[in-house]
Amino acid sequence: MKIKSGMLLMLALALGACSQQGKVKVNVSNVSGNDCSQATVELSKDSIQTRLGSAYCYVTDAEGNEIPSQLTYDGKLIFQTSLPAGGSAEYTVLPSDTIHSYANLTSGRLYPERADDMAWENEVNGYRVYGPATQAKGERGFGYDIFFKHKTDDQILEKLYGPETDPATWQKADSLRKIDPKLAEEFINSISYHIDHGLGMDCYAVGPTLGAGVAAIVKNDTIRYPWCYEKAEILDNGPLRFTARLDFAPTVIGNDSAVVEHRLISLDAGSYLNNTEVWYDGLTEPAEVAVGFPLRDDFQPYFSENIIAYSDPTQGADNGRALLGIVSDKQFGRKSDLDNHVLGLTTIQPADTLRYSWGFAWDRESIKDIDSWKSYLQNYTTTPVRVEY
């Protein structure tokens, strides 16, 4: 059992000693010294089901109010807690005959109507990876793209994508061009997700870069940009966690003729960072893997043993800055500025899995500046918690 959070938290769970017939009492304590506004508690689904004697369950707080929970693809029961430093709270897991439904705080899907994008979001941010149809057109967009979002519990990607992917939109635009090109331009701008109409927008440039934090093998001081996923599978789709697996086509890396990259990307409600695992089939020797961002201006990135932070100027007039961040589970072996990027490099063995977290904050919302963003990154962890039975 562990807790994942957007803050550095070491939350202790006492579970089992408080079990009663037909219910499981869970006590969560914040012993980190930092206030916790939103942390995800993970319990073993099998353990809970055994104790309850039920295939399904739900969670209530100390007052008996039901709170959102989720059974994940990898055998966890998750729910979220908010605790001050030194605080604690009691929750109860109860049996149910059915899965309980809650409003999604995180969700995503594949968009075949938008060149096979896979896009996902939570309350604070949206993200996407470009799909095979984009690659087939000869475009290059290797990295993660990001959607800036005004904080809301609503899921907005469908609203942003909808007009852009509706054929009727472009039929109208073509008709307007015949009348007045200026009218056509004004109409397109009125529905474009590259312009903020109150929900958010995409004003970050990816192109032939690592974008907002893709990992890539570096061979002979050359970034081997990964392009593009061959198969995508959504494993969790809310309400509290989105998880997707991407599998890539075989590629040649050095003497290895069929190296296949795999990614597992997970985003929790309330978090500014995606937890990501990357591993490679077909490697026969150690490889250097880089994570980082392209540099757009003279802003000096922050770089530590396992953290990279950078303030990107974004595209368009007066759109604010994207505060980009990476937190690696391992210390970086070296730093590099290949291809005008800021990169942290780690050497992995053929059977290793690279684990790191990546994401961003928009300086128009809750996290206003790079110092606040660095503090968030420094306090971020996925450290397992103590468990007492």
Protein backbone atom coordinates (compact mmCIF):
# COMPACT_ATOMS: atom_id res chain seq x y z
CA MET A 1 0.00 0.00 0.00
CA LYS A 2 1.29 3.44 -0.78
CA ILE A 3 0.23 7.01 -1.27
CA LYS A 4 0.99 9.02 -4.36
CA SER A 5 0.77 12.74 -4.07
CA GLY A 6 1.66 16.04 -5.64
CA MET A 7 3.45 16.96 -2.41
CA LEU A 8 6.24 15.26 -0.50
CA LEU A 9 4.20 13.12 1.85
CA MET A 10 4.97 10.19 4.08
CA LEU A 11 1.52 9.11 5.18
CA ALA A 12 1.20 6.23 7.60
CA LEU A 13 -1.71 3.82 7.27
CA ALA A 14 -2.92 1.62 10.08
CA LEU A 15 -5.15 -1.06 8.64
CA GLY A 16 -6.31 -4.44 9.86
CA ALA A 17 -6.20 -3.92 13.59
CA CYS A 18 -9.28 -1.74 13.07
CA SER A 19 -11.12 -4.28 10.91
CA GLN A 20 -14.65 -5.13 11.91
CA GLN A 21 -17.16 -7.57 10.45
CA GLY A 22 -18.33 -6.21 7.09
CA LYS A 23 -16.04 -3.17 7.09
CA VAL A 24 -12.39 -2.14 7.16
CA LYS A 25 -11.29 0.91 9.12
CA VAL A 26 -8.36 2.83 7.61
CA ASN A 27 -6.46 5.50 9.52
CA VAL A 28 -4.32 7.87 7.44
CA SER A 29 -1.74 10.10 9.13
CA ASN A 30 0.35 12.83 7.54
CA VAL A 31 3.80 12.59 9.13
CA SER A 32 5.61 14.53 6.40
CA GLY A 33 5.71 17.95 8.04
CA ASN A 34 3.93 19.45 5.01
CA ASP A 35 0.26 20.21 4.54
CA CYS A 36 -1.43 17.87 2.10
CA SER A 37 -4.25 19.28 0.00
CA GLN A 38 -4.79 16.17 -2.13
CA ALA A 39 -3.05 12.82 -1.84
CA THR A 40 -4.00 9.47 -3.30
CA VAL A 41 -4.19 6.55 -0.87
CA GLU A 42 -3.57 3.11 -2.35
CA LEU A 43 -4.78 -0.13 -0.72
CA SER A 44 -4.52 -3.70 -1.96
CA LYS A 45 -7.79 -4.57 -3.67
CA ASP A 46 -7.31 -8.29 -2.95
CA SER A 47 -6.65 -7.64 0.73
CA ILE A 48 -9.71 -5.43 1.04
CA GLN A 49 -11.94 -7.85 -0.86
CA THR A 50 -10.79 -10.74 1.32
CA ARG A 51 -11.53 -8.81 4.49
CA LEU A 52 -14.93 -7.68 3.23
CA GLY A 53 -15.92 -10.89 1.49
CA SER A 54 -17.12 -8.77 -1.44
CA ALA A 55 -15.94 -8.14 -4.99
CA TYR A 56 -16.90 -4.46 -4.79
CA CYS A 57 -16.61 -1.78 -2.15
CA TYR A 58 -16.90 1.92 -1.43
CA VAL A 59 -15.28 4.37 0.99
CA THR A 60 -16.73 6.75 3.59
CA ASP A 61 -15.09 9.45 5.69
CA ALA A 62 -15.27 9.79 9.48
CA GLU A 63 -18.70 11.43 9.21
CA GLY A 64 -20.06 8.57 7.11
CA ASN A 65 -20.09 10.53 3.84
CA GLU A 66 -19.25 8.49 0.79
CA ILE A 67 -16.18 9.77 -1.06
CA PRO A 68 -14.97 8.90 -4.58
CA SER A 69 -12.85 5.77 -4.89
CA GLN A 70 -11.59 3.64 -7.75
CA LEU A 71 -10.50 0.07 -8.38
CA THR A 72 -7.47 0.24 -10.68
CA TYR A 73 -6.30 -2.15 -13.37
CA ASP A 74 -3.29 -3.21 -11.28
CA GLY A 75 -5.20 -4.35 -8.22
CA LYS A 76 -5.53 -1.25 -6.05
CA LEU A 77 -8.36 0.48 -4.28
CA ILE A 78 -7.61 4.20 -4.31
CA PHE A 79 -9.19 7.26 -2.73
CA GLN A 80 -7.95 10.73 -1.84
CA THR A 81 -7.33 12.55 1.41
CA SER A 82 -6.55 16.09 2.51
CA LEU A 83 -4.58 16.53 5.72
CA PRO A 84 -2.58 19.24 7.47
CA ALA A 85 0.94 18.46 8.63
CA GLY A 86 0.66 16.11 11.60
CA GLY A 87 -3.02 15.51 10.93
CA SER A 88 -4.87 12.22 10.61
CA ALA A 89 -8.23 10.99 9.37
CA GLU A 90 -10.22 7.80 9.56
CA TYR A 91 -11.95 6.19 6.59
CA THR A 92 -14.13 3.11 6.29
CA VAL A 93 -14.22 0.66 3.40
CA LEU A 94 -17.60 -1.04 3.07
CA PRO A 95 -18.83 -3.90 0.86
CA SER A 96 -21.07 -3.32 -2.13
CA ASP A 97 -22.92 -5.43 -4.67
CA THR A 98 -21.94 -3.12 -7.54
CA ILE A 99 -19.25 -0.65 -8.60
CA HIS A 100 -20.15 2.86 -7.45
CA SER A 101 -19.90 5.67 -10.00
CA TYR A 102 -18.48 9.16 -9.46
CA ALA A 103 -17.82 12.22 -11.58
CA ASN A 104 -14.48 11.96 -13.37
CA LEU A 105 -11.69 14.19 -12.10
CA THR A 106 -9.32 12.57 -14.59
CA SER A 107 -10.07 10.94 -17.94
CA GLY A 108 -8.85 10.53 -21.49
CA ARG A 109 -9.29 8.70 -24.76
CA LEU A 110 -7.88 8.10 -28.22
CA TYR A 111 -8.96 10.64 -30.86
CA PRO A 112 -8.91 8.90 -34.25
CA GLU A 113 -10.75 11.94 -35.61
CA ARG A 114 -7.73 14.08 -34.63
CA ALA A 115 -4.91 12.11 -36.27
CA ASP A 116 -4.87 9.37 -33.59
CA ASP A 117 -3.96 11.67 -30.71
CA MET A 118 -4.20 10.18 -27.25
CA ALA A 119 -5.21 12.95 -24.83
CA TRP A 120 -5.97 12.96 -21.12
CA GLU A 121 -6.54 15.43 -18.28
CA ASN A 122 -7.31 16.08 -14.64
CA GLU A 123 -8.64 19.21 -12.92
CA VAL A 124 -5.47 21.23 -13.47
CA ASN A 125 -3.86 20.14 -16.76
CA GLY A 126 -4.33 18.34 -20.06
CA TYR A 127 -1.82 16.32 -22.10
CA ARG A 128 -1.50 14.49 -25.38
CA VAL A 129 0.78 12.30 -27.46
CA TYR A 130 0.58 12.46 -31.24
CA GLY A 131 -0.53 9.35 -33.04
CA PRO A 132 0.34 7.26 -36.11
CA ALA A 133 -1.82 9.36 -38.44
CA THR A 134 0.31 12.42 -37.66
CA GLN A 135 3.47 10.45 -38.36
CA ALA A 136 2.01 9.13 -41.63
CA LYS A 137 1.54 12.73 -42.82
CA GLY A 138 5.26 13.34 -42.40
CA GLU A 139 4.87 15.71 -39.44
CA ARG A 140 7.30 15.50 -36.56
CA GLY A 141 5.97 15.90 -33.04
CA PHE A 142 8.02 13.55 -30.91
CA GLY A 143 7.33 14.95 -27.47
CA TYR A 144 4.43 15.33 -25.08
CA ASP A 145 2.09 18.21 -25.79
CA ILE A 146 0.25 20.08 -23.02
CA PHE A 147 -3.14 21.76 -22.68
CA PHE A 148 -3.33 24.76 -20.38
CA LYS A 149 -6.45 24.63 -18.27
CA HIS A 150 -8.31 26.99 -15.97
CA LYS A 151 -8.75 24.87 -12.85
CA THR A 152 -12.13 23.19 -12.88
CA ASP A 153 -13.58 19.82 -11.97
CA ASP A 154 -14.99 19.70 -15.51
CA GLN A 155 -13.22 17.67 -18.16
CA ILE A 156 -12.62 20.08 -21.03
CA LEU A 157 -10.75 18.17 -23.75
CA GLU A 158 -13.93 17.03 -25.47
CA LYS A 159 -15.03 20.68 -25.64
CA LEU A 160 -11.67 21.79 -27.04
CA TYR A 161 -11.38 18.98 -29.58
CA GLY A 162 -15.06 18.97 -30.59
CA PRO A 163 -15.25 22.01 -32.94
CA GLU A 164 -11.77 21.34 -34.34
CA THR A 165 -12.67 17.78 -35.33
CA ASP A 166 -16.19 18.46 -36.64
CA PRO A 167 -16.27 18.40 -40.48
CA ALA A 168 -19.07 20.97 -40.40
CA THR A 169 -16.62 23.47 -38.86
CA TRP A 170 -14.33 23.35 -41.86
CA GLN A 171 -17.18 23.32 -44.36
CA LYS A 172 -18.34 26.60 -42.83
CA ALA A 173 -14.78 27.96 -42.89
CA ASP A 174 -14.46 27.11 -46.58
CA SER A 175 -17.76 28.82 -47.33
CA LEU A 176 -16.68 31.94 -45.47
CA ARG A 177 -13.36 32.06 -47.35
CA LYS A 178 -15.32 32.43 -50.60
CA ILE A 179 -17.12 35.44 -49.12
CA ASP A 180 -14.39 37.10 -47.08
CA PRO A 181 -11.11 35.52 -45.92
CA LYS A 182 -11.14 37.77 -42.86
CA LEU A 183 -14.52 36.38 -41.78
CA ALA A 184 -13.16 32.86 -42.20
CA GLU A 185 -10.13 33.67 -40.05
CA GLU A 186 -12.31 35.21 -37.34
CA PHE A 187 -14.53 32.13 -37.33
CA ILE A 188 -11.58 29.72 -37.09
CA ASN A 189 -10.10 31.75 -34.24
CA SER A 190 -13.44 31.61 -32.44
CA ILE A 191 -13.28 27.80 -32.19
CA SER A 192 -9.51 27.20 -32.16
CA TYR A 193 -8.09 25.40 -29.13
CA HIS A 194 -4.90 27.38 -29.65
CA ILE A 195 -6.76 30.41 -28.27
CA ASP A 196 -8.13 30.65 -24.74
CA HIS A 197 -11.90 31.07 -24.85
CA GLY A 198 -12.29 30.62 -21.10
CA LEU A 199 -11.61 26.90 -20.73
CA GLY A 200 -7.94 26.70 -21.63
CA MET A 201 -5.82 26.17 -24.73
CA ASP A 202 -2.84 24.56 -26.42
CA CYS A 203 -0.15 27.21 -26.79
CA TYR A 204 2.93 25.00 -26.33
CA ALA A 205 5.13 24.06 -29.29
CA VAL A 206 6.37 20.48 -29.61
CA GLY A 207 7.70 19.80 -33.11
CA PRO A 208 10.91 17.76 -33.45
CA THR A 209 11.72 17.93 -29.71
CA LEU A 210 11.08 16.00 -26.50
CA GLY A 211 8.26 18.42 -25.75
CA ALA A 212 7.08 18.42 -22.15
CA GLY A 213 9.28 15.55 -21.01
CA VAL A 214 9.44 12.47 -23.25
CA ALA A 215 12.27 10.03 -22.52
CA ALA A 216 14.65 9.08 -25.34
CA ILE A 217 17.70 6.89 -25.78
CA VAL A 218 20.90 8.82 -26.49
CA LYS A 219 23.45 7.05 -28.69
CA ASN A 220 26.78 8.62 -29.70
CA ASP A 221 25.56 12.00 -28.42
CA THR A 222 22.49 11.79 -30.67
CA ILE A 223 18.95 11.85 -29.30
CA ARG A 224 16.99 8.92 -30.76
CA TYR A 225 13.62 10.62 -30.78
CA PRO A 226 10.82 8.05 -30.31
CA TRP A 227 8.23 8.25 -33.08
CA CYS A 228 5.49 7.05 -32.80
CA TYR A 229 3.38 4.73 -30.67
CA GLU A 230 2.15 1.68 -32.55
CA LYS A 231 -0.43 0.57 -30.01
CA ALA A 232 -2.19 2.49 -27.22
CA GLU A 233 -4.31 0.98 -24.46
CA ILE A 234 -6.19 2.87 -21.76
CA LEU A 235 -6.04 0.87 -18.52
CA ASP A 236 -7.67 3.26 -16.03
CA ASN A 237 -10.09 6.02 -16.96
CA GLY A 238 -11.10 7.83 -13.80
CA PRO A 239 -12.61 8.98 -11.66
CA LEU A 240 -9.34 9.47 -9.75
CA ARG A 241 -6.65 7.98 -11.99
CA PHE A 242 -5.96 7.78 -15.70
CA THR A 243 -3.46 5.15 -16.87
CA ALA A 244 -2.39 4.30 -20.40
CA ARG A 245 0.17 2.00 -21.95
CA LEU A 246 1.96 2.85 -25.19
CA ASP A 247 3.90 0.30 -27.21
CA PHE A 248 6.20 1.44 -30.02
CA ALA A 249 7.36 -0.08 -33.28
CA PRO A 250 10.75 -1.84 -33.32
CA THR A 251 13.71 0.38 -34.09
CA VAL A 252 17.48 -0.02 -34.51
CA ILE A 253 19.65 1.15 -31.60
CA GLY A 254 23.35 0.50 -32.12
CA ASN A 255 23.84 -3.22 -32.66
CA ASP A 256 20.30 -4.03 -31.56
CA SER A 257 18.00 -4.31 -34.56
CA ALA A 258 14.58 -4.56 -32.88
CA VAL A 259 14.36 -2.38 -29.78
CA VAL A 260 10.75 -1.86 -28.65
CA GLU A 261 9.88 0.94 -26.25
CA HIS A 262 7.01 0.64 -23.78
CA ARG A 263 5.52 3.44 -21.67
CA LEU A 264 3.11 3.36 -18.78
CA ILE A 265 1.70 6.83 -18.00
CA SER A 266 -0.48 7.54 -14.96
CA LEU A 267 -2.12 10.80 -13.86
CA ASP A 268 -3.98 11.23 -10.57
CA ALA A 269 -6.63 13.79 -9.75
CA GLY A 270 -5.11 17.03 -8.49
CA SER A 271 -1.55 16.23 -9.54
CA TYR A 272 0.58 18.43 -11.79
CA LEU A 273 2.80 15.47 -12.69
CA ASN A 274 2.33 12.21 -14.59
CA ASN A 275 4.03 9.17 -13.08
CA THR A 276 5.70 7.30 -15.94
CA GLU A 277 7.58 4.06 -16.46
CA VAL A 278 9.65 3.41 -19.59
CA TRP A 279 11.29 0.11 -20.51
CA TYR A 280 12.77 -1.42 -23.64
CA ASP A 281 12.59 -4.90 -25.10
CA GLY A 282 15.44 -5.95 -27.36
CA LEU A 283 18.28 -4.05 -25.67
CA THR A 284 21.36 -6.22 -25.17
CA GLU A 285 23.64 -3.63 -23.61
CA PRO A 286 23.32 -0.64 -21.26
CA ALA A 287 21.79 2.50 -22.75
CA GLU A 288 21.74 6.16 -21.82
CA VAL A 289 18.24 7.58 -21.58
CA ALA A 290 17.56 11.32 -21.45
CA VAL A 291 14.59 13.27 -20.15
CA GLY A 292 14.15 17.00 -20.48
CA PHE A 293 12.78 19.95 -22.41
CA PRO A 294 13.69 22.11 -25.41
CA LEU A 295 15.02 25.57 -24.50
CA ARG A 296 13.04 28.40 -26.09
CA ASP A 297 14.65 31.53 -24.66
CA ASP A 298 17.42 32.63 -22.30
CA PHE A 299 15.59 31.55 -19.13
CA GLN A 300 18.07 29.51 -17.09
CA PRO A 301 16.67 26.06 -16.25
CA TYR A 302 16.95 24.66 -12.74
CA PHE A 303 18.83 21.38 -12.55
CA SER A 304 19.53 19.21 -9.50
CA GLU A 305 20.46 15.59 -8.85
CA ASN A 306 17.01 14.36 -9.87
CA ILE A 307 14.94 17.45 -10.82
CA ILE A 308 14.71 19.65 -13.91
CA ALA A 309 12.57 22.79 -14.02
CA TYR A 310 12.18 25.28 -16.84
CA SER A 311 9.88 28.21 -17.59
CA ASP A 312 8.77 28.02 -21.23
CA PRO A 313 7.59 31.27 -22.90
CA THR A 314 4.76 29.51 -24.86
CA GLN A 315 3.42 30.57 -28.25
CA GLY A 316 1.20 33.53 -28.96
CA ALA A 317 0.88 36.92 -27.36
CA ASP A 318 0.40 37.17 -23.61
CA ASN A 319 -0.34 33.48 -22.93
CA GLY A 320 1.80 33.27 -19.81
CA ARG A 321 4.52 30.72 -19.22
CA ALA A 322 4.53 26.96 -18.87
CA LEU A 323 6.44 25.88 -15.77
CA LEU A 324 7.80 22.49 -16.89
CA GLY A 325 9.13 19.91 -14.47
CA ILE A 326 10.68 16.46 -14.20
CA VAL A 327 11.35 14.46 -11.04
CA SER A 328 13.41 11.31 -11.55
CA ASP A 329 13.39 8.34 -9.18
CA LYS A 330 17.15 8.01 -9.78
CA GLN A 331 19.88 10.63 -9.75
CA PHE A 332 20.94 11.85 -13.18
CA GLY A 333 24.32 10.54 -14.23
CA ARG A 334 25.08 13.64 -16.25
CA LYS A 335 23.57 16.78 -17.73
CA SER A 336 23.50 17.66 -21.43
CA ASP A 337 22.38 20.44 -23.78
CA LEU A 338 22.04 18.29 -26.91
CA ASP A 339 19.79 19.74 -29.63
CA ASN A 340 19.22 22.85 -27.53
CA HIS A 341 17.53 20.89 -24.75
CA VAL A 342 18.13 20.72 -21.02
CA LEU A 343 18.57 17.01 -20.37
CA GLY A 344 19.18 14.73 -17.45
CA LEU A 345 20.71 11.41 -18.49
CA THR A 346 20.54 8.05 -16.73
CA THR A 347 22.17 4.78 -17.74
CA ILE A 348 19.81 1.81 -17.69
CA GLN A 349 20.53 -1.87 -18.03
CA PRO A 350 18.63 -3.96 -20.62
CA ALA A 351 16.13 -5.22 -18.04
CA ASP A 352 15.74 -1.90 -16.19
CA THR A 353 12.68 0.31 -15.98
CA LEU A 354 13.12 4.08 -15.97
CA ARG A 355 10.72 5.76 -13.54
CA TYR A 356 10.14 9.49 -13.50
CA SER A 357 7.39 12.07 -13.22
CA TRP A 358 6.79 14.94 -15.63
CA GLY A 359 4.27 17.71 -16.08
CA PHE A 360 3.73 21.43 -15.81
CA ALA A 361 1.94 24.32 -14.16
CA TRP A 362 0.52 27.41 -15.86
CA ASP A 363 1.65 30.63 -14.21
CA ARG A 364 -1.86 32.05 -14.73
CA GLU A 365 -3.27 29.58 -12.21
CA SER A 366 -2.33 28.35 -8.71
CA ILE A 367 1.46 28.06 -9.10
CA LYS A 368 2.59 31.52 -10.15
CA ASP A 369 6.38 31.43 -10.49
CA ILE A 370 9.41 29.20 -10.91
CA ASP A 371 10.34 29.28 -7.22
CA SER A 372 6.92 27.99 -6.21
CA TRP A 373 7.17 25.37 -8.95
CA LYS A 374 10.62 24.24 -7.78
CA SER A 375 9.20 23.85 -4.27
CA TYR A 376 6.38 21.69 -5.63
CA LEU A 377 8.85 19.48 -7.50
CA GLN A 378 11.15 19.19 -4.49
CA ASN A 379 8.22 18.11 -2.34
CA TYR A 380 6.89 15.57 -4.81
CA THR A 381 7.31 11.88 -4.11
CA THR A 382 5.82 8.46 -4.72
CA THR A 383 7.50 6.95 -1.66
CA PRO A 384 5.70 3.91 -0.14
CA VAL A 385 4.18 4.44 3.30
CA ARG A 386 4.43 2.37 6.42
CA VAL A 387 1.72 -0.24 6.83
CA GLU A 388 0.67 -1.69 10.17
CA TYR A 389 -1.71 -4.62 10.54
